[in-house]
Amino acid sequence: MSGRPHAYACKPDHCITCGDDAVAMTVVRIDGARGLALCEDPDGARATVETALVDPLRAGDSVLVHAAVAIAVLEPHAWEAT
C-alpha cells in the first residue's frame, strides 16, 4: 500500500459510481406520458430529465438532477446565491 487514497475513493462533490455531479435545474416543460421533463440549469443549458422519482412536477419547479434523473424537489430557487 502506498498510503495514497484510492483513485475511486468517495469525494464530497461527485458520485464515485459515474463521476457525475448533481445539478439544480428548473423544470421548463413536462412530458408526463413519457415521465420526462425538459429542464434548464442556471447557465441556461437544457437537458431531458427522467422524473419518476419526484412526480408530480410542474413547470417552474426546481429539482436536483443526477445522471439525467431528477432525485429531489428543491425549494423554489434554493440553489441560487442570495
PDB file of N, CA and C in Angstrom:
ATOM      1  N   MET A   1       0.827  -1.182   0.000  1.00  0.00           N
ATOM      2  CA  MET A   1       0.000   0.000   0.000  1.00  0.00           C
ATOM      3  C   MET A   1       0.869   1.241   0.000  1.00  0.00           C
ATOM      4  N   SER A   2       0.514   2.193  -0.821  1.00  0.00           N
ATOM      5  CA  SER A   2       1.322   3.397  -0.958  1.00  0.00           C
ATOM      6  C   SER A   2       0.966   4.470   0.052  1.00  0.00           C
ATOM      7  N   GLY A   3      -0.154   4.323   0.748  1.00  0.00           N
ATOM      8  CA  GLY A   3      -0.578   5.357   1.680  1.00  0.00           C
ATOM      9  C   GLY A   3      -1.424   6.436   1.030  1.00  0.00           C
ATOM     10  N   ARG A   4      -1.480   6.431  -0.301  1.00  0.00           N
ATOM     11  CA  ARG A   4      -2.329   7.398  -1.003  1.00  0.00           C
ATOM     12  C   ARG A   4      -3.751   6.880  -1.059  1.00  0.00           C
ATOM     13  N   PRO A   5      -4.741   7.776  -1.058  1.00  0.00           N
ATOM     14  CA  PRO A   5      -6.123   7.315  -1.181  1.00  0.00           C
ATOM     15  C   PRO A   5      -6.343   6.669  -2.535  1.00  0.00           C
ATOM     16  N   HIS A   6      -7.232   5.708  -2.566  1.00  0.00           N
ATOM     17  CA  HIS A   6      -7.587   5.032  -3.806  1.00  0.00           C
ATOM     18  C   HIS A   6      -8.154   6.045  -4.793  1.00  0.00           C
ATOM     19  N   ALA A   7      -7.868   5.859  -6.062  1.00  0.00           N
ATOM     20  CA  ALA A   7      -8.315   6.799  -7.103  1.00  0.00           C
ATOM     21  C   ALA A   7      -9.830   6.947  -7.140  1.00  0.00           C
ATOM     22  N   TYR A   8     -10.571   5.917  -6.694  1.00  0.00           N
ATOM     23  CA  TYR A   8     -12.026   5.968  -6.738  1.00  0.00           C
ATOM     24  C   TYR A   8     -12.639   6.200  -5.365  1.00  0.00           C
ATOM     25  N   ALA A   9     -11.859   6.738  -4.448  1.00  0.00           N
ATOM     26  CA  ALA A   9     -12.369   6.993  -3.095  1.00  0.00           C
ATOM     27  C   ALA A   9     -13.507   7.999  -3.148  1.00  0.00           C
ATOM     28  N   CYS A  10     -14.387   7.919  -2.155  1.00  0.00           N
ATOM     29  CA  CYS A  10     -15.507   8.866  -2.082  1.00  0.00           C
ATOM     30  C   CYS A  10     -14.997  10.286  -1.978  1.00  0.00           C
ATOM     31  N   LYS A  11     -15.652  11.159  -2.688  1.00  0.00           N
ATOM     32  CA  LYS A  11     -15.355  12.583  -2.628  1.00  0.00           C
ATOM     33  C   LYS A  11     -16.679  13.303  -2.442  1.00  0.00           C
ATOM     34  N   PRO A  12     -16.718  14.387  -1.695  1.00  0.00           N
ATOM     35  CA  PRO A  12     -17.997  15.028  -1.395  1.00  0.00           C
ATOM     36  C   PRO A  12     -18.661  15.725  -2.579  1.00  0.00           C
ATOM     37  N   ASP A  13     -17.940  15.965  -3.671  1.00  0.00           N
ATOM     38  CA  ASP A  13     -18.518  16.762  -4.749  1.00  0.00           C
ATOM     39  C   ASP A  13     -18.919  15.983  -5.988  1.00  0.00           C
ATOM     40  N   HIS A  14     -18.815  14.644  -5.959  1.00  0.00           N
ATOM     41  CA  HIS A  14     -19.289  13.881  -7.114  1.00  0.00           C
ATOM     42  C   HIS A  14     -19.544  12.429  -6.759  1.00  0.00           C
ATOM     43  N   CYS A  15     -20.274  11.768  -7.641  1.00  0.00           N
ATOM     44  CA  CYS A  15     -20.644  10.370  -7.455  1.00  0.00           C
ATOM     45  C   CYS A  15     -19.471   9.474  -7.823  1.00  0.00           C
ATOM     46  N   ILE A  16     -19.108   8.549  -6.943  1.00  0.00           N
ATOM     47  CA  ILE A  16     -17.987   7.662  -7.254  1.00  0.00           C
ATOM     48  C   ILE A  16     -18.362   6.617  -8.294  1.00  0.00           C
ATOM     49  N   THR A  17     -19.645   6.384  -8.495  1.00  0.00           N
ATOM     50  CA  THR A  17     -20.073   5.393  -9.472  1.00  0.00           C
ATOM     51  C   THR A  17     -19.908   5.907 -10.892  1.00  0.00           C
ATOM     52  N   CYS A  18     -20.377   7.116 -11.150  1.00  0.00           N
ATOM     53  CA  CYS A  18     -20.330   7.618 -12.525  1.00  0.00           C
ATOM     54  C   CYS A  18     -19.511   8.894 -12.674  1.00  0.00           C
ATOM     55  N   GLY A  19     -19.045   9.477 -11.575  1.00  0.00           N
ATOM     56  CA  GLY A  19     -18.262  10.699 -11.640  1.00  0.00           C
ATOM     57  C   GLY A  19     -19.092  11.933 -11.910  1.00  0.00           C
ATOM     58  N   ASP A  20     -20.402  11.790 -11.906  1.00  0.00           N
ATOM     59  CA  ASP A  20     -21.305  12.885 -12.241  1.00  0.00           C
ATOM     60  C   ASP A  20     -21.654  13.701 -11.001  1.00  0.00           C
ATOM     61  N   ASP A  21     -21.892  14.975 -11.170  1.00  0.00           N
ATOM     62  CA  ASP A  21     -22.337  15.856 -10.097  1.00  0.00           C
ATOM     63  C   ASP A  21     -23.851  15.998 -10.161  1.00  0.00           C
ATOM     64  N   ALA A  22     -24.464  16.279  -9.030  1.00  0.00           N
ATOM     65  CA  ALA A  22     -25.877  16.636  -9.024  1.00  0.00           C
ATOM     66  C   ALA A  22     -25.974  18.132  -9.299  1.00  0.00           C
ATOM     67  N   VAL A  23     -26.958  18.522 -10.100  1.00  0.00           N
ATOM     68  CA  VAL A  23     -27.104  19.906 -10.534  1.00  0.00           C
ATOM     69  C   VAL A  23     -28.540  20.367 -10.274  1.00  0.00           C
ATOM     70  N   ALA A  24     -28.694  21.538  -9.714  1.00  0.00           N
ATOM     71  CA  ALA A  24     -30.024  22.126  -9.541  1.00  0.00           C
ATOM     72  C   ALA A  24     -30.492  22.643 -10.895  1.00  0.00           C
ATOM     73  N   MET A  25     -31.723  22.266 -11.265  1.00  0.00           N
ATOM     74  CA  MET A  25     -32.286  22.683 -12.547  1.00  0.00           C
ATOM     75  C   MET A  25     -33.734  23.098 -12.347  1.00  0.00           C
ATOM     76  N   THR A  26     -34.233  23.907 -13.282  1.00  0.00           N
ATOM     77  CA  THR A  26     -35.623  24.350 -13.265  1.00  0.00           C
ATOM     78  C   THR A  26     -36.389  23.630 -14.368  1.00  0.00           C
ATOM     79  N   VAL A  27     -37.568  23.119 -14.021  1.00  0.00           N
ATOM     80  CA  VAL A  27     -38.414  22.436 -14.993  1.00  0.00           C
ATOM     81  C   VAL A  27     -39.003  23.464 -15.955  1.00  0.00           C
ATOM     82  N   VAL A  28     -38.793  23.226 -17.249  1.00  0.00           N
ATOM     83  CA  VAL A  28     -39.315  24.113 -18.285  1.00  0.00           C
ATOM     84  C   VAL A  28     -40.625  23.557 -18.847  1.00  0.00           C
ATOM     85  N   ARG A  29     -40.631  22.243 -19.132  1.00  0.00           N
ATOM     86  CA  ARG A  29     -41.799  21.616 -19.745  1.00  0.00           C
ATOM     87  C   ARG A  29     -41.858  20.157 -19.300  1.00  0.00           C
ATOM     88  N   ILE A  30     -43.056  19.640 -19.120  1.00  0.00           N
ATOM     89  CA  ILE A  30     -43.282  18.268 -18.662  1.00  0.00           C
ATOM     90  C   ILE A  30     -43.829  17.413 -19.815  1.00  0.00           C
ATOM     91  N   ASP A  31     -43.324  16.197 -19.939  1.00  0.00           N
ATOM     92  CA  ASP A  31     -43.900  15.182 -20.823  1.00  0.00           C
ATOM     93  C   ASP A  31     -44.326  14.039 -19.911  1.00  0.00           C
ATOM     94  N   GLY A  32     -45.508  14.186 -19.291  1.00  0.00           N
ATOM     95  CA  GLY A  32     -45.996  13.229 -18.310  1.00  0.00           C
ATOM     96  C   GLY A  32     -46.198  11.837 -18.870  1.00  0.00           C
ATOM     97  N   ALA A  33     -46.583  11.735 -20.126  1.00  0.00           N
ATOM     98  CA  ALA A  33     -46.818  10.425 -20.737  1.00  0.00           C
ATOM     99  C   ALA A  33     -45.546   9.594 -20.789  1.00  0.00           C
ATOM    100  N   ARG A  34     -44.410  10.254 -20.962  1.00  0.00           N
ATOM    101  CA  ARG A  34     -43.127   9.538 -21.029  1.00  0.00           C
ATOM    102  C   ARG A  34     -42.323   9.639 -19.741  1.00  0.00           C
ATOM    103  N   GLY A  35     -42.811  10.390 -18.752  1.00  0.00           N
ATOM    104  CA  GLY A  35     -42.093  10.530 -17.493  1.00  0.00           C
ATOM    105  C   GLY A  35     -40.814  11.330 -17.613  1.00  0.00           C
ATOM    106  N   LEU A  36     -40.864  12.354 -18.472  1.00  0.00           N
ATOM    107  CA  LEU A  36     -39.688  13.190 -18.728  1.00  0.00           C
ATOM    108  C   LEU A  36     -40.019  14.664 -18.519  1.00  0.00           C
ATOM    109  N   ALA A  37     -38.974  15.436 -18.324  1.00  0.00           N
ATOM    110  CA  ALA A  37     -39.129  16.885 -18.257  1.00  0.00           C
ATOM    111  C   ALA A  37     -37.951  17.536 -18.962  1.00  0.00           C
ATOM    112  N   LEU A  38     -38.210  18.635 -19.620  1.00  0.00           N
ATOM    113  CA  LEU A  38     -37.147  19.475 -20.145  1.00  0.00           C
ATOM    114  C   LEU A  38     -36.765  20.407 -19.013  1.00  0.00           C
ATOM    115  N   CYS A  39     -35.497  20.408 -18.632  1.00  0.00           N
ATOM    116  CA  CYS A  39     -35.034  21.230 -17.512  1.00  0.00           C
ATOM    117  C   CYS A  39     -33.893  22.128 -17.959  1.00  0.00           C
ATOM    118  N   GLU A  40     -33.704  23.218 -17.210  1.00  0.00           N
ATOM    119  CA  GLU A  40     -32.664  24.200 -17.535  1.00  0.00           C
ATOM    120  C   GLU A  40     -31.823  24.487 -16.301  1.00  0.00           C
ATOM    121  N   ASP A  41     -30.493  24.514 -16.477  1.00  0.00           N
ATOM    122  CA  ASP A  41     -29.613  24.831 -15.350  1.00  0.00           C
ATOM    123  C   ASP A  41     -29.445  26.348 -15.240  1.00  0.00           C
ATOM    124  N   PRO A  42     -28.783  26.842 -14.202  1.00  0.00           N
ATOM    125  CA  PRO A  42     -28.648  28.292 -14.011  1.00  0.00           C
ATOM    126  C   PRO A  42     -27.926  29.015 -15.151  1.00  0.00           C
ATOM    127  N   ASP A  43     -27.124  28.275 -15.949  1.00  0.00           N
ATOM    128  CA  ASP A  43     -26.416  28.882 -17.076  1.00  0.00           C
ATOM    129  C   ASP A  43     -27.222  28.852 -18.365  1.00  0.00           C
ATOM    130  N   GLY A  44     -28.436  28.265 -18.312  1.00  0.00           N
ATOM    131  CA  GLY A  44     -29.298  28.210 -19.487  1.00  0.00           C
ATOM    132  C   GLY A  44     -29.183  26.935 -20.298  1.00  0.00           C
ATOM    133  N   ALA A  45     -28.305  26.017 -19.907  1.00  0.00           N
ATOM    134  CA  ALA A  45     -28.188  24.744 -20.618  1.00  0.00           C
ATOM    135  C   ALA A  45     -29.415  23.890 -20.310  1.00  0.00           C
ATOM    136  N   ARG A  46     -29.934  23.236 -21.332  1.00  0.00           N
ATOM    137  CA  ARG A  46     -31.141  22.422 -21.164  1.00  0.00           C
ATOM    138  C   ARG A  46     -30.836  20.944 -21.334  1.00  0.00           C
ATOM    139  N   ALA A  47     -31.625  20.117 -20.641  1.00  0.00           N
ATOM    140  CA  ALA A  47     -31.460  18.671 -20.720  1.00  0.00           C
ATOM    141  C   ALA A  47     -32.798  18.001 -20.469  1.00  0.00           C
ATOM    142  N   THR A  48     -32.976  16.827 -21.059  1.00  0.00           N
ATOM    143  CA  THR A  48     -34.138  15.997 -20.792  1.00  0.00           C
ATOM    144  C   THR A  48     -33.838  15.162 -19.566  1.00  0.00           C
ATOM    145  N   VAL A  49     -34.786  15.144 -18.625  1.00  0.00           N
ATOM    146  CA  VAL A  49     -34.571  14.525 -17.319  1.00  0.00           C
ATOM    147  C   VAL A  49     -35.704  13.547 -17.036  1.00  0.00           C
ATOM    148  N   GLU A  50     -35.363  12.380 -16.491  1.00  0.00           N
ATOM    149  CA  GLU A  50     -36.343  11.376 -16.067  1.00  0.00           C
ATOM    150  C   GLU A  50     -36.921  11.831 -14.736  1.00  0.00           C
ATOM    151  N   THR A  51     -38.248  11.722 -14.554  1.00  0.00           N
ATOM    152  CA  THR A  51     -38.893  12.339 -13.395  1.00  0.00           C
ATOM    153  C   THR A  51     -39.633  11.385 -12.453  1.00  0.00           C
ATOM    154  N   ALA A  52     -39.563  10.085 -12.678  1.00  0.00           N
ATOM    155  CA  ALA A  52     -40.375   9.132 -11.911  1.00  0.00           C
ATOM    156  C   ALA A  52     -40.151   9.230 -10.402  1.00  0.00           C
ATOM    157  N   LEU A  53     -38.947   9.538  -9.949  1.00  0.00           N
ATOM    158  CA  LEU A  53     -38.663   9.595  -8.515  1.00  0.00           C
ATOM    159  C   LEU A  53     -39.290  10.791  -7.813  1.00  0.00           C
ATOM    160  N   VAL A  54     -39.661  11.824  -8.569  1.00  0.00           N
ATOM    161  CA  VAL A  54     -40.138  13.060  -7.938  1.00  0.00           C
ATOM    162  C   VAL A  54     -41.504  13.528  -8.437  1.00  0.00           C
ATOM    163  N   ASP A  55     -42.177  12.703  -9.234  1.00  0.00           N
ATOM    164  CA  ASP A  55     -43.502  13.098  -9.722  1.00  0.00           C
ATOM    165  C   ASP A  55     -44.452  13.327  -8.563  1.00  0.00           C
ATOM    166  N   PRO A  56     -45.403  14.224  -8.697  1.00  0.00           N
ATOM    167  CA  PRO A  56     -45.688  15.074  -9.842  1.00  0.00           C
ATOM    168  C   PRO A  56     -44.869  16.367  -9.798  1.00  0.00           C
ATOM    169  N   LEU A  57     -44.549  16.874 -10.968  1.00  0.00           N
ATOM    170  CA  LEU A  57     -43.833  18.140 -11.108  1.00  0.00           C
ATOM    171  C   LEU A  57     -44.663  19.098 -11.941  1.00  0.00           C
ATOM    172  N   ARG A  58     -44.301  20.378 -11.819  1.00  0.00           N
ATOM    173  CA  ARG A  58     -44.918  21.431 -12.644  1.00  0.00           C
ATOM    174  C   ARG A  58     -43.810  22.274 -13.242  1.00  0.00           C
ATOM    175  N   ALA A  59     -44.100  22.919 -14.348  1.00  0.00           N
ATOM    176  CA  ALA A  59     -43.152  23.868 -14.918  1.00  0.00           C
ATOM    177  C   ALA A  59     -42.836  24.920 -13.861  1.00  0.00           C
ATOM    178  N   GLY A  60     -41.574  25.235 -13.708  1.00  0.00           N
ATOM    179  CA  GLY A  60     -41.134  26.206 -12.716  1.00  0.00           C
ATOM    180  C   GLY A  60     -40.573  25.574 -11.454  1.00  0.00           C
ATOM    181  N   ASP A  61     -40.854  24.277 -11.225  1.00  0.00           N
ATOM    182  CA  ASP A  61     -40.284  23.601 -10.063  1.00  0.00           C
ATOM    183  C   ASP A  61     -38.771  23.498 -10.195  1.00  0.00           C
ATOM    184  N   SER A  62     -38.083  23.495  -9.067  1.00  0.00           N
ATOM    185  CA  SER A  62     -36.636  23.295  -9.030  1.00  0.00           C
ATOM    186  C   SER A  62     -36.357  21.878  -8.571  1.00  0.00           C
ATOM    187  N   VAL A  63     -35.482  21.181  -9.316  1.00  0.00           N
ATOM    188  CA  VAL A  63     -35.147  19.804  -8.993  1.00  0.00           C
ATOM    189  C   VAL A  63     -33.639  19.618  -8.963  1.00  0.00           C
ATOM    190  N   LEU A  64     -33.198  18.657  -8.170  1.00  0.00           N
ATOM    191  CA  LEU A  64     -31.796  18.263  -8.145  1.00  0.00           C
ATOM    192  C   LEU A  64     -31.663  17.098  -9.110  1.00  0.00           C
ATOM    193  N   VAL A  65     -30.761  17.234 -10.103  1.00  0.00           N
ATOM    194  CA  VAL A  65     -30.630  16.250 -11.171  1.00  0.00           C
ATOM    195  C   VAL A  65     -29.259  15.596 -11.109  1.00  0.00           C
ATOM    196  N   HIS A  66     -29.265  14.268 -11.139  1.00  0.00           N
ATOM    197  CA  HIS A  66     -28.030  13.485 -11.153  1.00  0.00           C
ATOM    198  C   HIS A  66     -28.144  12.427 -12.238  1.00  0.00           C
ATOM    199  N   ALA A  67     -27.184  12.391 -13.147  1.00  0.00           N
ATOM    200  CA  ALA A  67     -27.153  11.408 -14.228  1.00  0.00           C
ATOM    201  C   ALA A  67     -28.473  11.392 -15.003  1.00  0.00           C
ATOM    202  N   ALA A  68     -28.991  12.575 -15.315  1.00  0.00           N
ATOM    203  CA  ALA A  68     -30.219  12.773 -16.094  1.00  0.00           C
ATOM    204  C   ALA A  68     -31.472  12.253 -15.390  1.00  0.00           C
ATOM    205  N   VAL A  69     -31.432  12.153 -14.053  1.00  0.00           N
ATOM    206  CA  VAL A  69     -32.583  11.728 -13.266  1.00  0.00           C
ATOM    207  C   VAL A  69     -32.835  12.766 -12.177  1.00  0.00           C
ATOM    208  N   ALA A  70     -34.062  13.263 -12.097  1.00  0.00           N
ATOM    209  CA  ALA A  70     -34.424  14.175 -11.008  1.00  0.00           C
ATOM    210  C   ALA A  70     -34.511  13.339  -9.733  1.00  0.00           C
ATOM    211  N   ILE A  71     -33.699  13.696  -8.716  1.00  0.00           N
ATOM    212  CA  ILE A  71     -33.642  12.890  -7.495  1.00  0.00           C
ATOM    213  C   ILE A  71     -34.273  13.581  -6.292  1.00  0.00           C
ATOM    214  N   ALA A  72     -34.576  14.875  -6.407  1.00  0.00           N
ATOM    215  CA  ALA A  72     -35.208  15.603  -5.301  1.00  0.00           C
ATOM    216  C   ALA A  72     -35.818  16.885  -5.834  1.00  0.00           C
ATOM    217  N   VAL A  73     -36.908  17.303  -5.187  1.00  0.00           N
ATOM    218  CA  VAL A  73     -37.510  18.601  -5.482  1.00  0.00           C
ATOM    219  C   VAL A  73     -36.943  19.587  -4.478  1.00  0.00           C
ATOM    220  N   LEU A  74     -36.477  20.730  -4.978  1.00  0.00           N
ATOM    221  CA  LEU A  74     -35.885  21.762  -4.127  1.00  0.00           C
ATOM    222  C   LEU A  74     -36.896  22.869  -3.849  1.00  0.00           C
ATOM    223  N   GLU A  75     -36.670  23.580  -2.771  1.00  0.00           N
ATOM    224  CA  GLU A  75     -37.468  24.777  -2.522  1.00  0.00           C
ATOM    225  C   GLU A  75     -37.223  25.721  -3.691  1.00  0.00           C
ATOM    226  N   PRO A  76     -38.197  26.529  -4.064  1.00  0.00           N
ATOM    227  CA  PRO A  76     -38.012  27.419  -5.216  1.00  0.00           C
ATOM    228  C   PRO A  76     -36.734  28.248  -5.107  1.00  0.00           C
ATOM    229  N   HIS A  77     -35.864  28.039  -6.053  1.00  0.00           N
ATOM    230  CA  HIS A  77     -34.609  28.785  -6.195  1.00  0.00           C
ATOM    231  C   HIS A  77     -33.705  28.691  -4.959  1.00  0.00           C
ATOM    232  N   ALA A  78     -33.817  27.604  -4.190  1.00  0.00           N
ATOM    233  CA  ALA A  78     -32.966  27.413  -3.017  1.00  0.00           C
ATOM    234  C   ALA A  78     -31.499  27.301  -3.388  1.00  0.00           C
ATOM    235  N   TRP A  79     -31.223  26.932  -4.621  1.00  0.00           N
ATOM    236  CA  TRP A  79     -29.845  26.735  -5.055  1.00  0.00           C
ATOM    237  C   TRP A  79     -29.174  28.023  -5.510  1.00  0.00           C
ATOM    238  N   GLU A  80     -29.918  29.090  -5.659  1.00  0.00           N
ATOM    239  CA  GLU A  80     -29.333  30.359  -6.088  1.00  0.00           C
ATOM    240  C   GLU A  80     -28.686  31.065  -4.930  1.00  0.00           C
ATOM    241  N   ALA A  81     -27.582  31.737  -5.191  1.00  0.00           N
ATOM    242  CA  ALA A  81     -26.929  32.530  -4.146  1.00  0.00           C
ATOM    243  C   ALA A  81     -27.809  33.712  -3.779  1.00  0.00           C
ATOM    244  N   THR A  82     -27.854  34.038  -2.496  1.00  0.00           N
ATOM    245  CA  THR A  82     -28.670  35.180  -2.072  1.00  0.00           C
ATOM    246  C   THR A  82     -27.792  36.346  -1.731  1.00  0.00           C
TER     247      THR A  82
END
